Structures are given as C-alpha cells and as structure tokens.
Amino acid sequence: MSTLAVELRAQASNVEFTDISISVELLDGRTISAPLAWFPNLSAASNSQRNNWELMGDGEGIHWPDIDEDLSVAGLLAGTH
C-alpha cells in the first residue's frame, strides 16, 4: 500500500482578538487560538493597533505595522512564542 503525502502550507485568512486571546482563522477552515499574554507587544497594544494587521506572503505570516510585530502561522501551530 502506498501513501500519498500532500504538503499543506498553513495560511491565515483572518485575525481576531478577545481581551485574553488571539485567534487566527486559516484558509483550510481551522482556527488557532493562543493566549495574548504570549505576545507582549500585542498584549500592550491598543485595540486599533491590534486590528491594523496585514497578511505577509500568501498568509504564512501576519504583520502589525503600528507596533512592528510579526507572527508566523507555522510558529502559532507549533505553539512557539
């Protein structure tokens, strides 16, 4: 029996915040959530700064220009912070 390996790149499509977490929706339908406390720059930012984000590349990363913060989707999936 053979196995077909398909390489999938996790790509973000949307970012949302609560008072205590960040949630990233992926193009494949998954949602990743992490404690906002893991990301001190985002935690200290205002709501308007947090909501001013842009996707990097094809959605492999997220950039917040107001606070010069970048997160990779792969890092979020791996639980690294």
PDB file of N, CA and C in Angstrom:
ATOM      1  N   MET A   1       0.841  -1.169   0.000  1.00  0.00           N
ATOM      2  CA  MET A   1       0.000   0.000   0.000  1.00  0.00           C
ATOM      3  C   MET A   1       0.888   1.236   0.000  1.00  0.00           C
ATOM      4  N   SER A   2       0.562   2.188  -0.843  1.00  0.00           N
ATOM      5  CA  SER A   2       1.340   3.424  -0.887  1.00  0.00           C
ATOM      6  C   SER A   2       0.564   4.553  -0.214  1.00  0.00           C
ATOM      7  N   THR A   3       1.313   5.522   0.235  1.00  0.00           N
ATOM      8  CA  THR A   3       0.712   6.674   0.895  1.00  0.00           C
ATOM      9  C   THR A   3       1.058   7.916   0.095  1.00  0.00           C
ATOM     10  N   LEU A   4       0.068   8.721  -0.145  1.00  0.00           N
ATOM     11  CA  LEU A   4       0.275   9.973  -0.849  1.00  0.00           C
ATOM     12  C   LEU A   4       0.472  11.074   0.182  1.00  0.00           C
ATOM     13  N   ALA A   5       1.625  11.690   0.149  1.00  0.00           N
ATOM     14  CA  ALA A   5       1.910  12.779   1.081  1.00  0.00           C
ATOM     15  C   ALA A   5       1.611  14.106   0.385  1.00  0.00           C
ATOM     16  N   VAL A   6       0.742  14.861   0.960  1.00  0.00           N
ATOM     17  CA  VAL A   6       0.390  16.160   0.418  1.00  0.00           C
ATOM     18  C   VAL A   6       0.933  17.226   1.351  1.00  0.00           C
ATOM     19  N   GLU A   7       1.697  18.121   0.801  1.00  0.00           N
ATOM     20  CA  GLU A   7       2.261  19.193   1.629  1.00  0.00           C
ATOM     21  C   GLU A   7       1.275  20.351   1.661  1.00  0.00           C
ATOM     22  N   LEU A   8       0.820  20.683   2.840  1.00  0.00           N
ATOM     23  CA  LEU A   8      -0.092  21.796   3.018  1.00  0.00           C
ATOM     24  C   LEU A   8       0.619  22.916   3.749  1.00  0.00           C
ATOM     25  N   ARG A   9       0.470  24.104   3.251  1.00  0.00           N
ATOM     26  CA  ARG A   9       1.011  25.271   3.939  1.00  0.00           C
ATOM     27  C   ARG A   9      -0.133  25.924   4.699  1.00  0.00           C
ATOM     28  N   ALA A  10       0.066  26.128   5.958  1.00  0.00           N
ATOM     29  CA  ALA A  10      -0.951  26.804   6.758  1.00  0.00           C
ATOM     30  C   ALA A  10      -0.942  28.277   6.389  1.00  0.00           C
ATOM     31  N   GLN A  11      -2.110  28.785   5.990  1.00  0.00           N
ATOM     32  CA  GLN A  11      -2.228  30.172   5.574  1.00  0.00           C
ATOM     33  C   GLN A  11      -3.367  30.852   6.319  1.00  0.00           C
ATOM     34  N   ALA A  12      -3.076  32.006   6.875  1.00  0.00           N
ATOM     35  CA  ALA A  12      -4.082  32.772   7.608  1.00  0.00           C
ATOM     36  C   ALA A  12      -5.028  33.477   6.642  1.00  0.00           C
ATOM     37  N   SER A  13      -6.257  33.652   7.107  1.00  0.00           N
ATOM     38  CA  SER A  13      -7.215  34.432   6.330  1.00  0.00           C
ATOM     39  C   SER A  13      -7.814  35.568   7.153  1.00  0.00           C
ATOM     40  N   ASN A  14      -7.815  35.434   8.486  1.00  0.00           N
ATOM     41  CA  ASN A  14      -8.398  36.450   9.345  1.00  0.00           C
ATOM     42  C   ASN A  14      -7.788  36.354  10.740  1.00  0.00           C
ATOM     43  N   VAL A  15      -7.787  37.473  11.447  1.00  0.00           N
ATOM     44  CA  VAL A  15      -7.265  37.543  12.805  1.00  0.00           C
ATOM     45  C   VAL A  15      -8.300  38.254  13.669  1.00  0.00           C
ATOM     46  N   GLU A  16      -8.566  37.691  14.851  1.00  0.00           N
ATOM     47  CA  GLU A  16      -9.489  38.308  15.793  1.00  0.00           C
ATOM     48  C   GLU A  16      -8.892  38.242  17.191  1.00  0.00           C
ATOM     49  N   PHE A  17      -9.302  39.173  18.027  1.00  0.00           N
ATOM     50  CA  PHE A  17      -8.808  39.251  19.401  1.00  0.00           C
ATOM     51  C   PHE A  17      -9.964  39.268  20.388  1.00  0.00           C
ATOM     52  N   THR A  18      -9.728  38.700  21.560  1.00  0.00           N
ATOM     53  CA  THR A  18     -10.558  38.945  22.728  1.00  0.00           C
ATOM     54  C   THR A  18      -9.650  39.660  23.724  1.00  0.00           C
ATOM     55  N   ASP A  19     -10.137  39.900  24.912  1.00  0.00           N
ATOM     56  CA  ASP A  19      -9.296  40.543  25.921  1.00  0.00           C
ATOM     57  C   ASP A  19      -8.116  39.670  26.333  1.00  0.00           C
ATOM     58  N   ILE A  20      -8.233  38.339  26.131  1.00  0.00           N
ATOM     59  CA  ILE A  20      -7.190  37.431  26.616  1.00  0.00           C
ATOM     60  C   ILE A  20      -6.578  36.526  25.555  1.00  0.00           C
ATOM     61  N   SER A  21      -7.059  36.601  24.300  1.00  0.00           N
ATOM     62  CA  SER A  21      -6.524  35.665  23.302  1.00  0.00           C
ATOM     63  C   SER A  21      -6.480  36.268  21.905  1.00  0.00           C
ATOM     64  N   ILE A  22      -5.678  35.629  21.078  1.00  0.00           N
ATOM     65  CA  ILE A  22      -5.631  35.908  19.648  1.00  0.00           C
ATOM     66  C   ILE A  22      -6.124  34.657  18.941  1.00  0.00           C
ATOM     67  N   SER A  23      -6.956  34.824  17.925  1.00  0.00           N
ATOM     68  CA  SER A  23      -7.458  33.707  17.125  1.00  0.00           C
ATOM     69  C   SER A  23      -7.156  33.994  15.663  1.00  0.00           C
ATOM     70  N   VAL A  24      -6.580  33.007  15.004  1.00  0.00           N
ATOM     71  CA  VAL A  24      -6.233  33.142  13.593  1.00  0.00           C
ATOM     72  C   VAL A  24      -7.003  32.088  12.813  1.00  0.00           C
ATOM     73  N   GLU A  25      -7.828  32.543  11.882  1.00  0.00           N
ATOM     74  CA  GLU A  25      -8.562  31.637  11.008  1.00  0.00           C
ATOM     75  C   GLU A  25      -7.665  31.288   9.825  1.00  0.00           C
ATOM     76  N   LEU A  26      -7.627  29.998   9.490  1.00  0.00           N
ATOM     77  CA  LEU A  26      -6.805  29.530   8.376  1.00  0.00           C
ATOM     78  C   LEU A  26      -7.672  29.266   7.155  1.00  0.00           C
ATOM     79  N   LEU A  27      -7.044  29.332   5.988  1.00  0.00           N
ATOM     80  CA  LEU A  27      -7.769  29.081   4.744  1.00  0.00           C
ATOM     81  C   LEU A  27      -8.379  27.688   4.683  1.00  0.00           C
ATOM     82  N   ASP A  28      -7.785  26.718   5.396  1.00  0.00           N
ATOM     83  CA  ASP A  28      -8.300  25.348   5.345  1.00  0.00           C
ATOM     84  C   ASP A  28      -9.441  25.103   6.327  1.00  0.00           C
ATOM     85  N   GLY A  29      -9.894  26.164   7.019  1.00  0.00           N
ATOM     86  CA  GLY A  29     -11.036  26.030   7.913  1.00  0.00           C
ATOM     87  C   GLY A  29     -10.689  25.910   9.390  1.00  0.00           C
ATOM     88  N   ARG A  30      -9.433  25.672   9.715  1.00  0.00           N
ATOM     89  CA  ARG A  30      -9.037  25.588  11.119  1.00  0.00           C
ATOM     90  C   ARG A  30      -8.922  26.985  11.725  1.00  0.00           C
ATOM     91  N   THR A  31      -9.011  27.028  13.059  1.00  0.00           N
ATOM     92  CA  THR A  31      -8.771  28.257  13.815  1.00  0.00           C
ATOM     93  C   THR A  31      -7.755  27.948  14.906  1.00  0.00           C
ATOM     94  N   ILE A  32      -6.731  28.773  15.000  1.00  0.00           N
ATOM     95  CA  ILE A  32      -5.694  28.647  16.020  1.00  0.00           C
ATOM     96  C   ILE A  32      -5.929  29.737  17.049  1.00  0.00           C
ATOM     97  N   SER A  33      -5.923  29.379  18.321  1.00  0.00           N
ATOM     98  CA  SER A  33      -6.032  30.376  19.388  1.00  0.00           C
ATOM     99  C   SER A  33      -4.848  30.237  20.329  1.00  0.00           C
ATOM    100  N   ALA A  34      -4.396  31.372  20.839  1.00  0.00           N
ATOM    101  CA  ALA A  34      -3.293  31.378  21.796  1.00  0.00           C
ATOM    102  C   ALA A  34      -3.530  32.505  22.788  1.00  0.00           C
ATOM    103  N   PRO A  35      -2.980  32.361  23.989  1.00  0.00           N
ATOM    104  CA  PRO A  35      -3.113  33.437  24.975  1.00  0.00           C
ATOM    105  C   PRO A  35      -2.409  34.707  24.490  1.00  0.00           C
ATOM    106  N   LEU A  36      -3.064  35.821  24.634  1.00  0.00           N
ATOM    107  CA  LEU A  36      -2.474  37.091  24.245  1.00  0.00           C
ATOM    108  C   LEU A  36      -1.221  37.385  25.075  1.00  0.00           C
ATOM    109  N   ALA A  37      -1.165  36.852  26.274  1.00  0.00           N
ATOM    110  CA  ALA A  37      -0.005  37.062  27.156  1.00  0.00           C
ATOM    111  C   ALA A  37       1.283  36.498  26.550  1.00  0.00           C
ATOM    112  N   TRP A  38       1.186  35.559  25.605  1.00  0.00           N
ATOM    113  CA  TRP A  38       2.376  35.026  24.939  1.00  0.00           C
ATOM    114  C   TRP A  38       3.065  36.080  24.079  1.00  0.00           C
ATOM    115  N   PHE A  39       2.336  37.132  23.726  1.00  0.00           N
ATOM    116  CA  PHE A  39       2.836  38.134  22.785  1.00  0.00           C
ATOM    117  C   PHE A  39       2.779  39.516  23.432  1.00  0.00           C
ATOM    118  N   PRO A  40       3.808  39.870  24.210  1.00  0.00           N
ATOM    119  CA  PRO A  40       3.783  41.117  24.984  1.00  0.00           C
ATOM    120  C   PRO A  40       3.500  42.374  24.158  1.00  0.00           C
ATOM    121  N   ASN A  41       4.061  42.460  22.944  1.00  0.00           N
ATOM    122  CA  ASN A  41       3.817  43.644  22.118  1.00  0.00           C
ATOM    123  C   ASN A  41       2.350  43.759  21.723  1.00  0.00           C
ATOM    124  N   LEU A  42       1.733  42.641  21.381  1.00  0.00           N
ATOM    125  CA  LEU A  42       0.312  42.664  21.036  1.00  0.00           C
ATOM    126  C   LEU A  42      -0.543  42.906  22.271  1.00  0.00           C
ATOM    127  N   SER A  43      -0.144  42.324  23.378  1.00  0.00           N
ATOM    128  CA  SER A  43      -0.881  42.493  24.620  1.00  0.00           C
ATOM    129  C   SER A  43      -0.898  43.954  25.067  1.00  0.00           C
ATOM    130  N   ALA A  44       0.213  44.650  24.875  1.00  0.00           N
ATOM    131  CA  ALA A  44       0.322  46.049  25.283  1.00  0.00           C
ATOM    132  C   ALA A  44      -0.279  47.016  24.267  1.00  0.00           C
ATOM    133  N   ALA A  45      -0.558  46.542  23.070  1.00  0.00           N
ATOM    134  CA  ALA A  45      -1.072  47.412  22.008  1.00  0.00           C
ATOM    135  C   ALA A  45      -2.534  47.781  22.248  1.00  0.00           C
ATOM    136  N   SER A  46      -2.941  48.890  21.671  1.00  0.00           N
ATOM    137  CA  SER A  46      -4.349  49.293  21.734  1.00  0.00           C
ATOM    138  C   SER A  46      -5.166  48.411  20.783  1.00  0.00           C
ATOM    139  N   ASN A  47      -6.475  48.438  20.952  1.00  0.00           N
ATOM    140  CA  ASN A  47      -7.346  47.670  20.056  1.00  0.00           C
ATOM    141  C   ASN A  47      -7.172  48.101  18.607  1.00  0.00           C
ATOM    142  N   SER A  48      -7.040  49.394  18.365  1.00  0.00           N
ATOM    143  CA  SER A  48      -6.879  49.854  16.980  1.00  0.00           C
ATOM    144  C   SER A  48      -5.547  49.389  16.399  1.00  0.00           C
ATOM    145  N   GLN A  49      -4.493  49.347  17.216  1.00  0.00           N
ATOM    146  CA  GLN A  49      -3.206  48.833  16.736  1.00  0.00           C
ATOM    147  C   GLN A  49      -3.289  47.335  16.441  1.00  0.00           C
ATOM    148  N   ARG A  50      -3.963  46.585  17.306  1.00  0.00           N
ATOM    149  CA  ARG A  50      -4.115  45.136  17.076  1.00  0.00           C
ATOM    150  C   ARG A  50      -4.922  44.855  15.818  1.00  0.00           C
ATOM    151  N   ASN A  51      -5.944  45.667  15.600  1.00  0.00           N
ATOM    152  CA  ASN A  51      -6.824  45.420  14.456  1.00  0.00           C
ATOM    153  C   ASN A  51      -6.259  45.931  13.141  1.00  0.00           C
ATOM    154  N   ASN A  52      -5.123  46.595  13.171  1.00  0.00           N
ATOM    155  CA  ASN A  52      -4.448  47.051  11.960  1.00  0.00           C
ATOM    156  C   ASN A  52      -3.359  46.046  11.602  1.00  0.00           C
ATOM    157  N   TRP A  53      -3.774  44.920  11.046  1.00  0.00           N
ATOM    158  CA  TRP A  53      -2.848  43.861  10.671  1.00  0.00           C
ATOM    159  C   TRP A  53      -2.911  43.641   9.166  1.00  0.00           C
ATOM    160  N   GLU A  54      -1.873  42.997   8.645  1.00  0.00           N
ATOM    161  CA  GLU A  54      -1.848  42.630   7.228  1.00  0.00           C
ATOM    162  C   GLU A  54      -1.184  41.276   7.096  1.00  0.00           C
ATOM    163  N   LEU A  55      -1.620  40.537   6.091  1.00  0.00           N
ATOM    164  CA  LEU A  55      -1.033  39.217   5.840  1.00  0.00           C
ATOM    165  C   LEU A  55       0.296  39.385   5.131  1.00  0.00           C
ATOM    166  N   MET A  56       1.233  38.532   5.480  1.00  0.00           N
ATOM    167  CA  MET A  56       2.542  38.506   4.832  1.00  0.00           C
ATOM    168  C   MET A  56       2.570  37.330   3.866  1.00  0.00           C
ATOM    169  N   GLY A  57       3.185  37.543   2.709  1.00  0.00           N
ATOM    170  CA  GLY A  57       3.260  36.478   1.713  1.00  0.00           C
ATOM    171  C   GLY A  57       1.866  36.055   1.291  1.00  0.00           C
ATOM    172  N   ASP A  58       1.649  34.764   1.240  1.00  0.00           N
ATOM    173  CA  ASP A  58       0.338  34.210   0.897  1.00  0.00           C
ATOM    174  C   ASP A  58      -0.464  33.879   2.144  1.00  0.00           C
ATOM    175  N   GLY A  59      -0.176  34.543   3.251  1.00  0.00           N
ATOM    176  CA  GLY A  59      -0.868  34.278   4.502  1.00  0.00           C
ATOM    177  C   GLY A  59      -0.045  33.436   5.457  1.00  0.00           C
ATOM    178  N   GLU A  60       1.253  33.242   5.148  1.00  0.00           N
ATOM    179  CA  GLU A  60       2.117  32.472   6.040  1.00  0.00           C
ATOM    180  C   GLU A  60       2.472  33.235   7.301  1.00  0.00           C
ATOM    181  N   GLY A  61       2.260  34.534   7.283  1.00  0.00           N
ATOM    182  CA  GLY A  61       2.570  35.357   8.444  1.00  0.00           C
ATOM    183  C   GLY A  61       1.608  36.517   8.563  1.00  0.00           C
ATOM    184  N   ILE A  62       1.661  37.173   9.719  1.00  0.00           N
ATOM    185  CA  ILE A  62       0.812  38.321   9.999  1.00  0.00           C
ATOM    186  C   ILE A  62       1.722  39.435  10.505  1.00  0.00           C
ATOM    187  N   HIS A  63       1.488  40.645  10.004  1.00  0.00           N
ATOM    188  CA  HIS A  63       2.305  41.804  10.378  1.00  0.00           C
ATOM    189  C   HIS A  63       1.407  42.906  10.920  1.00  0.00           C
ATOM    190  N   TRP A  64       1.844  43.524  12.033  1.00  0.00           N
ATOM    191  CA  TRP A  64       1.175  44.680  12.617  1.00  0.00           C
ATOM    192  C   TRP A  64       2.098  45.878  12.432  1.00  0.00           C
ATOM    193  N   PRO A  65       1.839  46.720  11.426  1.00  0.00           N
ATOM    194  CA  PRO A  65       2.759  47.825  11.131  1.00  0.00           C
ATOM    195  C   PRO A  65       2.857  48.871  12.236  1.00  0.00           C
ATOM    196  N   ASP A  66       1.791  49.104  12.971  1.00  0.00           N
ATOM    197  CA  ASP A  66       1.813  50.137  14.013  1.00  0.00           C
ATOM    198  C   ASP A  66       2.769  49.807  15.154  1.00  0.00           C
ATOM    199  N   ILE A  67       2.995  48.504  15.387  1.00  0.00           N
ATOM    200  CA  ILE A  67       3.871  48.101  16.501  1.00  0.00           C
ATOM    201  C   ILE A  67       5.058  47.266  16.026  1.00  0.00           C
ATOM    202  N   ASP A  68       5.209  47.153  14.698  1.00  0.00           N
ATOM    203  CA  ASP A  68       6.305  46.396  14.087  1.00  0.00           C
ATOM    204  C   ASP A  68       6.420  44.987  14.672  1.00  0.00           C
ATOM    205  N   GLU A  69       5.301  44.276  14.676  1.00  0.00           N
ATOM    206  CA  GLU A  69       5.242  42.904  15.204  1.00  0.00           C
ATOM    207  C   GLU A  69       4.902  41.945  14.065  1.00  0.00           C
ATOM    208  N   ASP A  70       5.550  40.797  14.030  1.00  0.00           N
ATOM    209  CA  ASP A  70       5.291  39.758  13.035  1.00  0.00           C
ATOM    210  C   ASP A  70       5.085  38.430  13.740  1.00  0.00           C
ATOM    211  N   LEU A  71       4.121  37.657  13.257  1.00  0.00           N
ATOM    212  CA  LEU A  71       3.913  36.287  13.733  1.00  0.00           C
ATOM    213  C   LEU A  71       3.815  35.367  12.535  1.00  0.00           C
ATOM    214  N   SER A  72       4.401  34.181  12.651  1.00  0.00           N
ATOM    215  CA  SER A  72       4.254  33.197  11.582  1.00  0.00           C
ATOM    216  C   SER A  72       3.144  32.227  11.958  1.00  0.00           C
ATOM    217  N   VAL A  73       2.401  31.802  10.958  1.00  0.00           N
ATOM    218  CA  VAL A  73       1.336  30.830  11.193  1.00  0.00           C
ATOM    219  C   VAL A  73       1.942  29.498  11.624  1.00  0.00           C
ATOM    220  N   ALA A  74       3.068  29.121  11.023  1.00  0.00           N
ATOM    221  CA  ALA A  74       3.732  27.873  11.405  1.00  0.00           C
ATOM    222  C   ALA A  74       4.140  27.908  12.869  1.00  0.00           C
ATOM    223  N   GLY A  75       4.637  29.050  13.346  1.00  0.00           N
ATOM    224  CA  GLY A  75       5.001  29.194  14.752  1.00  0.00           C
ATOM    225  C   GLY A  75       3.809  29.068  15.674  1.00  0.00           C
ATOM    226  N   LEU A  76       2.694  29.658  15.282  1.00  0.00           N
ATOM    227  CA  LEU A  76       1.468  29.532  16.075  1.00  0.00           C
ATOM    228  C   LEU A  76       1.020  28.077  16.152  1.00  0.00           C
ATOM    229  N   LEU A  77       1.068  27.396  15.022  1.00  0.00           N
ATOM    230  CA  LEU A  77       0.684  25.975  15.003  1.00  0.00           C
ATOM    231  C   LEU A  77       1.602  25.131  15.881  1.00  0.00           C
ATOM    232  N   ALA A  78       2.867  25.485  15.913  1.00  0.00           N
ATOM    233  CA  ALA A  78       3.841  24.731  16.715  1.00  0.00           C
ATOM    234  C   ALA A  78       3.774  25.116  18.193  1.00  0.00           C
ATOM    235  N   GLY A  79       3.071  26.190  18.498  1.00  0.00           N
ATOM    236  CA  GLY A  79       2.958  26.623  19.887  1.00  0.00           C
ATOM    237  C   GLY A  79       4.168  27.373  20.381  1.00  0.00           C
ATOM    238  N   THR A  80       4.970  27.887  19.444  1.00  0.00           N
ATOM    239  CA  THR A  80       6.146  28.659  19.851  1.00  0.00           C
ATOM    240  C   THR A  80       5.754  30.117  20.003  1.00  0.00           C
ATOM    241  N   HIS A  81       6.362  30.753  20.960  1.00  0.00           N
ATOM    242  CA  HIS A  81       6.070  32.173  21.179  1.00  0.00           C
ATOM    243  C   HIS A  81       7.285  32.902  21.693  1.00  0.00           C
TER     244      HIS A  81
END
